[in-house]
N, C-alpha and C. Protein backbone atom coordinates (compact mmCIF):
# COMPACT_ATOMS: atom_id res chain seq x y z
N MET A 1 27.10 -8.34 21.03
CA MET A 1 26.61 -8.28 19.67
C MET A 1 25.38 -9.17 19.54
N ARG A 2 24.36 -8.69 18.87
CA ARG A 2 23.10 -9.41 18.73
C ARG A 2 23.19 -10.44 17.61
N GLN A 3 22.74 -11.65 17.92
CA GLN A 3 22.72 -12.73 16.93
C GLN A 3 21.45 -12.60 16.09
N SER A 4 21.60 -12.59 14.77
CA SER A 4 20.44 -12.50 13.88
C SER A 4 19.69 -13.82 13.88
N LYS A 5 18.37 -13.72 13.80
CA LYS A 5 17.53 -14.91 13.69
C LYS A 5 16.91 -14.92 12.31
N PHE A 6 17.02 -16.05 11.64
CA PHE A 6 16.47 -16.18 10.30
C PHE A 6 15.35 -17.21 10.31
N PRO A 7 14.40 -17.07 9.40
CA PRO A 7 13.35 -18.09 9.27
C PRO A 7 13.98 -19.44 8.91
N GLU A 8 13.26 -20.49 9.17
CA GLU A 8 13.74 -21.84 8.84
C GLU A 8 14.12 -21.91 7.37
N GLY A 9 15.30 -22.45 7.09
CA GLY A 9 15.77 -22.59 5.73
C GLY A 9 16.53 -21.38 5.21
N TRP A 10 16.60 -20.33 5.99
CA TRP A 10 17.31 -19.12 5.59
C TRP A 10 18.58 -18.96 6.41
N ASP A 11 19.57 -18.32 5.82
CA ASP A 11 20.80 -17.97 6.53
C ASP A 11 21.29 -16.63 5.98
N GLU A 12 22.40 -16.14 6.52
CA GLU A 12 22.89 -14.84 6.11
C GLU A 12 23.21 -14.80 4.61
N GLN A 13 23.77 -15.87 4.09
CA GLN A 13 24.12 -15.91 2.66
C GLN A 13 22.87 -15.75 1.80
N ARG A 14 21.80 -16.44 2.16
CA ARG A 14 20.57 -16.35 1.37
C ARG A 14 19.98 -14.94 1.44
N VAL A 15 20.02 -14.34 2.62
CA VAL A 15 19.50 -12.97 2.77
C VAL A 15 20.31 -12.01 1.92
N ARG A 16 21.63 -12.14 1.95
CA ARG A 16 22.49 -11.26 1.15
C ARG A 16 22.21 -11.43 -0.36
N LYS A 17 21.96 -12.66 -0.78
CA LYS A 17 21.67 -12.93 -2.20
C LYS A 17 20.37 -12.25 -2.62
N VAL A 18 19.34 -12.33 -1.78
CA VAL A 18 18.06 -11.68 -2.08
C VAL A 18 18.23 -10.16 -2.11
N LEU A 19 18.94 -9.62 -1.12
CA LEU A 19 19.17 -8.18 -1.09
C LEU A 19 19.91 -7.71 -2.35
N ALA A 20 20.94 -8.45 -2.74
CA ALA A 20 21.70 -8.09 -3.93
C ALA A 20 20.82 -8.10 -5.17
N HIS A 21 19.93 -9.09 -5.25
CA HIS A 21 19.02 -9.18 -6.40
C HIS A 21 18.21 -7.89 -6.54
N TYR A 22 17.61 -7.44 -5.44
CA TYR A 22 16.75 -6.26 -5.52
C TYR A 22 17.54 -4.96 -5.59
N GLU A 23 18.70 -4.90 -4.96
CA GLU A 23 19.51 -3.68 -5.02
C GLU A 23 20.10 -3.46 -6.40
N ASP A 24 20.38 -4.53 -7.13
CA ASP A 24 20.98 -4.43 -8.46
C ASP A 24 19.95 -4.27 -9.57
N GLN A 25 18.69 -4.40 -9.25
CA GLN A 25 17.62 -4.35 -10.24
C GLN A 25 17.36 -2.91 -10.69
N THR A 26 17.15 -2.74 -11.99
CA THR A 26 16.73 -1.42 -12.48
C THR A 26 15.25 -1.24 -12.17
N ASP A 27 14.76 -0.01 -12.28
CA ASP A 27 13.33 0.24 -12.06
C ASP A 27 12.49 -0.56 -13.04
N ASP A 28 12.91 -0.60 -14.30
CA ASP A 28 12.15 -1.35 -15.32
C ASP A 28 12.12 -2.84 -14.99
N GLU A 29 13.24 -3.38 -14.54
CA GLU A 29 13.28 -4.81 -14.17
C GLU A 29 12.37 -5.08 -12.98
N GLY A 30 12.33 -4.16 -12.02
CA GLY A 30 11.46 -4.32 -10.86
C GLY A 30 10.00 -4.32 -11.25
N VAL A 31 9.63 -3.39 -12.13
CA VAL A 31 8.24 -3.32 -12.60
C VAL A 31 7.88 -4.60 -13.34
N ALA A 32 8.77 -5.07 -14.21
CA ALA A 32 8.51 -6.30 -14.97
C ALA A 32 8.33 -7.49 -14.03
N GLU A 33 9.15 -7.56 -13.00
CA GLU A 33 9.03 -8.66 -12.03
C GLU A 33 7.69 -8.59 -11.30
N ASP A 34 7.30 -7.38 -10.87
CA ASP A 34 6.02 -7.21 -10.18
C ASP A 34 4.85 -7.60 -11.09
N GLU A 35 4.90 -7.15 -12.33
CA GLU A 35 3.81 -7.45 -13.26
C GLU A 35 3.73 -8.94 -13.58
N SER A 36 4.85 -9.61 -13.63
CA SER A 36 4.84 -11.05 -13.93
C SER A 36 4.17 -11.86 -12.82
N ALA A 37 4.18 -11.32 -11.61
CA ALA A 37 3.54 -12.03 -10.50
C ALA A 37 2.04 -12.19 -10.75
N TYR A 38 1.44 -11.24 -11.43
CA TYR A 38 0.01 -11.31 -11.71
C TYR A 38 -0.32 -12.28 -12.84
N GLU A 39 0.67 -12.70 -13.58
CA GLU A 39 0.46 -13.65 -14.66
C GLU A 39 0.45 -15.09 -14.17
N ASN A 40 0.95 -15.33 -12.97
CA ASN A 40 1.00 -16.67 -12.38
C ASN A 40 -0.40 -17.03 -11.90
N ARG A 41 -1.04 -17.97 -12.56
CA ARG A 41 -2.42 -18.35 -12.21
C ARG A 41 -2.47 -19.46 -11.16
N THR A 42 -1.32 -19.85 -10.61
CA THR A 42 -1.32 -20.90 -9.58
C THR A 42 -1.33 -20.30 -8.17
N GLN A 43 -1.19 -18.98 -8.07
CA GLN A 43 -1.17 -18.31 -6.78
C GLN A 43 -2.02 -17.05 -6.84
N SER A 44 -2.35 -16.53 -5.66
CA SER A 44 -3.16 -15.33 -5.59
C SER A 44 -2.66 -14.44 -4.46
N LEU A 45 -2.89 -13.14 -4.61
CA LEU A 45 -2.58 -12.19 -3.55
C LEU A 45 -3.87 -11.87 -2.82
N VAL A 46 -3.82 -11.93 -1.48
CA VAL A 46 -5.01 -11.68 -0.69
C VAL A 46 -4.66 -10.74 0.46
N GLU A 47 -5.50 -9.76 0.69
CA GLU A 47 -5.31 -8.86 1.83
C GLU A 47 -6.10 -9.41 3.00
N VAL A 48 -5.43 -9.56 4.14
CA VAL A 48 -6.09 -10.04 5.35
C VAL A 48 -5.76 -9.11 6.51
N PRO A 49 -6.66 -9.02 7.49
CA PRO A 49 -6.35 -8.20 8.66
C PRO A 49 -5.11 -8.74 9.38
N VAL A 50 -4.30 -7.84 9.90
CA VAL A 50 -3.04 -8.20 10.55
C VAL A 50 -3.24 -9.25 11.63
N GLU A 51 -4.30 -9.14 12.38
CA GLU A 51 -4.51 -10.10 13.48
C GLU A 51 -4.77 -11.53 12.97
N LEU A 52 -5.11 -11.70 11.70
CA LEU A 52 -5.33 -13.03 11.14
C LEU A 52 -4.09 -13.63 10.48
N VAL A 53 -3.04 -12.84 10.34
CA VAL A 53 -1.83 -13.32 9.66
C VAL A 53 -1.28 -14.59 10.30
N PRO A 54 -1.14 -14.69 11.62
CA PRO A 54 -0.62 -15.94 12.20
C PRO A 54 -1.48 -17.16 11.85
N THR A 55 -2.78 -16.99 11.83
CA THR A 55 -3.68 -18.10 11.49
C THR A 55 -3.53 -18.49 10.03
N VAL A 56 -3.42 -17.52 9.16
CA VAL A 56 -3.24 -17.80 7.73
C VAL A 56 -1.91 -18.51 7.50
N ARG A 57 -0.86 -18.05 8.17
CA ARG A 57 0.44 -18.71 8.03
C ARG A 57 0.38 -20.16 8.49
N GLU A 58 -0.32 -20.39 9.58
CA GLU A 58 -0.47 -21.76 10.09
C GLU A 58 -1.21 -22.63 9.08
N LEU A 59 -2.27 -22.12 8.50
CA LEU A 59 -3.01 -22.87 7.49
C LEU A 59 -2.15 -23.17 6.27
N LEU A 60 -1.36 -22.19 5.84
CA LEU A 60 -0.47 -22.40 4.70
C LEU A 60 0.59 -23.46 5.01
N ALA A 61 1.13 -23.43 6.22
CA ALA A 61 2.13 -24.43 6.61
C ALA A 61 1.52 -25.83 6.62
N LYS A 62 0.30 -25.95 7.13
CA LYS A 62 -0.38 -27.26 7.14
C LYS A 62 -0.62 -27.74 5.71
N HIS A 63 -1.04 -26.83 4.85
CA HIS A 63 -1.28 -27.18 3.45
C HIS A 63 0.02 -27.65 2.79
N LYS A 64 1.09 -26.92 3.07
CA LYS A 64 2.39 -27.29 2.48
C LYS A 64 2.83 -28.66 2.94
N ARG A 65 2.66 -28.95 4.23
CA ARG A 65 3.06 -30.28 4.74
C ARG A 65 2.20 -31.38 4.12
N ARG A 66 0.92 -31.10 3.95
CA ARG A 66 -0.01 -32.10 3.44
C ARG A 66 0.19 -32.35 1.94
N THR A 67 0.44 -31.28 1.20
CA THR A 67 0.52 -31.41 -0.26
C THR A 67 1.94 -31.46 -0.79
N GLY A 68 2.91 -31.02 0.03
CA GLY A 68 4.28 -30.96 -0.41
C GLY A 68 4.57 -29.78 -1.32
N LEU A 69 3.63 -28.82 -1.40
CA LEU A 69 3.83 -27.63 -2.24
C LEU A 69 4.65 -26.59 -1.53
């Protein structure tokens, strides 16, 4: 049997909780959640080429360690 690997800070219980959240959501609730993401002015969505994703993740991790965000 294959052992699942989770990102740091995640476990099976957390994954199940997230899945349940989205599986139990109505279409209207999902749309409202998506739209609310654009109202948050402290973050931004950015499209980057796939080959740059590891570099961007590394930069974000460094920023998080430095700022505690």
